[in-house]
Amino acid sequence: MSKGVTLEQVEQLAAQLPPQEQLKLVSRLSERLTEAIFPPVTVSKKERAREAVAILCECDRAAAAFARKTNSAETIRRMRDERYRQICQSE
């Protein structure tokens, strides 16, 4: 009966590969192990639609919270003045 390949043998073979091929090998091993450890999660279309609706509702709430009109230039000026006052107070 033929016994399997040892880790040492695989390492020796991998060391003979050029660096780019070694990176491909690592990538393939990583993908395989990731799939074995963390199998892909399947989400139904219905569940995905519910999640999308929840996200859109949250966006609507955020938009409503920021519905008031703002003057960006005035806000920047006020922030600059506040920062200037803080600097002057700390000196």
C-alpha atoms as a PDB file:
ATOM      1  CA  MET A   1       0.000   0.000   0.000  1.00  0.00           C
ATOM      2  CA  SER A   2       1.314   3.424  -0.938  1.00  0.00           C
ATOM      3  CA  LYS A   3       1.553   5.874   1.905  1.00  0.00           C
ATOM      4  CA  GLY A   4       0.666   9.542   1.442  1.00  0.00           C
ATOM      5  CA  VAL A   5       3.054  12.405   0.932  1.00  0.00           C
ATOM      6  CA  THR A   6       4.558  13.895   4.076  1.00  0.00           C
ATOM      7  CA  LEU A   7       4.546  17.564   4.961  1.00  0.00           C
ATOM      8  CA  GLU A   8       8.325  17.640   4.644  1.00  0.00           C
ATOM      9  CA  GLN A   9       8.109  16.276   1.095  1.00  0.00           C
ATOM     10  CA  VAL A  10       5.529  18.894   0.161  1.00  0.00           C
ATOM     11  CA  GLU A  11       7.700  21.627   1.660  1.00  0.00           C
ATOM     12  CA  GLN A  12      10.702  20.434  -0.329  1.00  0.00           C
ATOM     13  CA  LEU A  13       8.691  20.407  -3.538  1.00  0.00           C
ATOM     14  CA  ALA A  14       7.200  23.835  -2.818  1.00  0.00           C
ATOM     15  CA  ALA A  15      10.682  25.256  -2.185  1.00  0.00           C
ATOM     16  CA  GLN A  16      11.603  24.265  -5.750  1.00  0.00           C
ATOM     17  CA  LEU A  17       8.845  26.459  -7.174  1.00  0.00           C
ATOM     18  CA  PRO A  18       9.525  30.077  -8.172  1.00  0.00           C
ATOM     19  CA  PRO A  19       8.205  32.647  -5.690  1.00  0.00           C
ATOM     20  CA  GLN A  20       5.152  33.503  -7.854  1.00  0.00           C
ATOM     21  CA  GLU A  21       4.143  29.841  -8.021  1.00  0.00           C
ATOM     22  CA  GLN A  22       4.635  29.502  -4.258  1.00  0.00           C
ATOM     23  CA  LEU A  23       2.249  32.431  -3.767  1.00  0.00           C
ATOM     24  CA  LYS A  24      -0.319  30.736  -6.013  1.00  0.00           C
ATOM     25  CA  LEU A  25       0.041  27.550  -3.970  1.00  0.00           C
ATOM     26  CA  VAL A  26      -0.466  29.429  -0.699  1.00  0.00           C
ATOM     27  CA  SER A  27      -3.497  31.187  -2.159  1.00  0.00           C
ATOM     28  CA  ARG A  28      -5.074  27.923  -3.308  1.00  0.00           C
ATOM     29  CA  LEU A  29      -4.414  26.245   0.039  1.00  0.00           C
ATOM     30  CA  SER A  30      -5.864  29.234   1.856  1.00  0.00           C
ATOM     31  CA  GLU A  31      -9.015  29.193  -0.283  1.00  0.00           C
ATOM     32  CA  ARG A  32      -9.466  25.463   0.217  1.00  0.00           C
ATOM     33  CA  LEU A  33      -9.010  25.696   3.985  1.00  0.00           C
ATOM     34  CA  THR A  34     -11.293  28.719   4.270  1.00  0.00           C
ATOM     35  CA  GLU A  35     -14.048  26.853   2.447  1.00  0.00           C
ATOM     36  CA  ALA A  36     -13.509  23.782   4.632  1.00  0.00           C
ATOM     37  CA  ILE A  37     -13.576  25.752   7.889  1.00  0.00           C
ATOM     38  CA  PHE A  38     -16.140  28.413   6.940  1.00  0.00           C
ATOM     39  CA  PRO A  39     -18.569  26.948   4.438  1.00  0.00           C
ATOM     40  CA  PRO A  40     -20.296  29.575   2.305  1.00  0.00           C
ATOM     41  CA  VAL A  41     -23.472  30.931   3.838  1.00  0.00           C
ATOM     42  CA  THR A  42     -26.448  30.939   1.546  1.00  0.00           C
ATOM     43  CA  VAL A  43     -28.964  33.685   2.049  1.00  0.00           C
ATOM     44  CA  SER A  44     -32.394  33.439   0.501  1.00  0.00           C
ATOM     45  CA  LYS A  45     -33.636  36.168  -1.800  1.00  0.00           C
ATOM     46  CA  LYS A  46     -36.439  36.855   0.677  1.00  0.00           C
ATOM     47  CA  GLU A  47     -33.969  37.378   3.542  1.00  0.00           C
ATOM     48  CA  ARG A  48     -31.730  39.579   1.387  1.00  0.00           C
ATOM     49  CA  ALA A  49     -34.777  41.659   0.387  1.00  0.00           C
ATOM     50  CA  ARG A  50     -35.699  42.092   4.073  1.00  0.00           C
ATOM     51  CA  GLU A  51     -32.165  43.273   4.839  1.00  0.00           C
ATOM     52  CA  ALA A  52     -32.304  45.734   1.945  1.00  0.00           C
ATOM     53  CA  VAL A  53     -35.630  47.133   3.174  1.00  0.00           C
ATOM     54  CA  ALA A  54     -34.207  47.525   6.696  1.00  0.00           C
ATOM     55  CA  ILE A  55     -31.156  49.387   5.338  1.00  0.00           C
ATOM     56  CA  LEU A  56     -33.337  51.675   3.227  1.00  0.00           C
ATOM     57  CA  CYS A  57     -35.561  52.429   6.243  1.00  0.00           C
ATOM     58  CA  GLU A  58     -32.471  53.336   8.249  1.00  0.00           C
ATOM     59  CA  CYS A  59     -31.316  55.621   5.417  1.00  0.00           C
ATOM     60  CA  ASP A  60     -34.732  57.309   5.376  1.00  0.00           C
ATOM     61  CA  ARG A  61     -34.526  57.885   9.145  1.00  0.00           C
ATOM     62  CA  ALA A  62     -31.054  59.382   8.793  1.00  0.00           C
ATOM     63  CA  ALA A  63     -32.199  61.613   5.919  1.00  0.00           C
ATOM     64  CA  ALA A  64     -35.153  62.840   8.009  1.00  0.00           C
ATOM     65  CA  ALA A  65     -32.843  63.606  10.926  1.00  0.00           C
ATOM     66  CA  PHE A  66     -30.698  65.832   8.694  1.00  0.00           C
ATOM     67  CA  ALA A  67     -33.556  67.472   6.793  1.00  0.00           C
ATOM     68  CA  ARG A  68     -32.895  70.986   8.062  1.00  0.00           C
ATOM     69  CA  LYS A  69     -31.030  73.298   5.741  1.00  0.00           C
ATOM     70  CA  THR A  70     -27.487  74.179   6.696  1.00  0.00           C
ATOM     71  CA  ASN A  71     -25.065  76.836   5.629  1.00  0.00           C
ATOM     72  CA  SER A  72     -21.783  75.014   5.123  1.00  0.00           C
ATOM     73  CA  ALA A  73     -19.694  78.166   4.937  1.00  0.00           C
ATOM     74  CA  GLU A  74     -21.182  79.439   8.204  1.00  0.00           C
ATOM     75  CA  THR A  75     -20.623  76.078   9.886  1.00  0.00           C
ATOM     76  CA  ILE A  76     -16.960  76.004   8.813  1.00  0.00           C
ATOM     77  CA  ARG A  77     -16.490  79.605   9.964  1.00  0.00           C
ATOM     78  CA  ARG A  78     -18.030  78.789  13.369  1.00  0.00           C
ATOM     79  CA  MET A  79     -15.827  75.682  13.761  1.00  0.00           C
ATOM     80  CA  ARG A  80     -12.729  77.701  12.856  1.00  0.00           C
ATOM     81  CA  ASP A  81     -13.647  80.400  15.388  1.00  0.00           C
ATOM     82  CA  GLU A  82     -14.212  77.817  18.117  1.00  0.00           C
ATOM     83  CA  ARG A  83     -10.867  76.167  17.379  1.00  0.00           C
ATOM     84  CA  TYR A  84      -9.145  79.568  17.397  1.00  0.00           C
ATOM     85  CA  ARG A  85     -10.694  80.388  20.801  1.00  0.00           C
ATOM     86  CA  GLN A  86      -9.513  77.031  22.189  1.00  0.00           C
ATOM     87  CA  ILE A  87      -5.973  77.666  20.963  1.00  0.00           C
ATOM     88  CA  CYS A  88      -5.927  81.160  22.442  1.00  0.00           C
ATOM     89  CA  GLN A  89      -7.238  79.895  25.797  1.00  0.00           C
ATOM     90  CA  SER A  90      -4.597  77.181  26.042  1.00  0.00           C
ATOM     91  CA  GLU A  91      -1.689  79.587  25.543  1.00  0.00           C
END
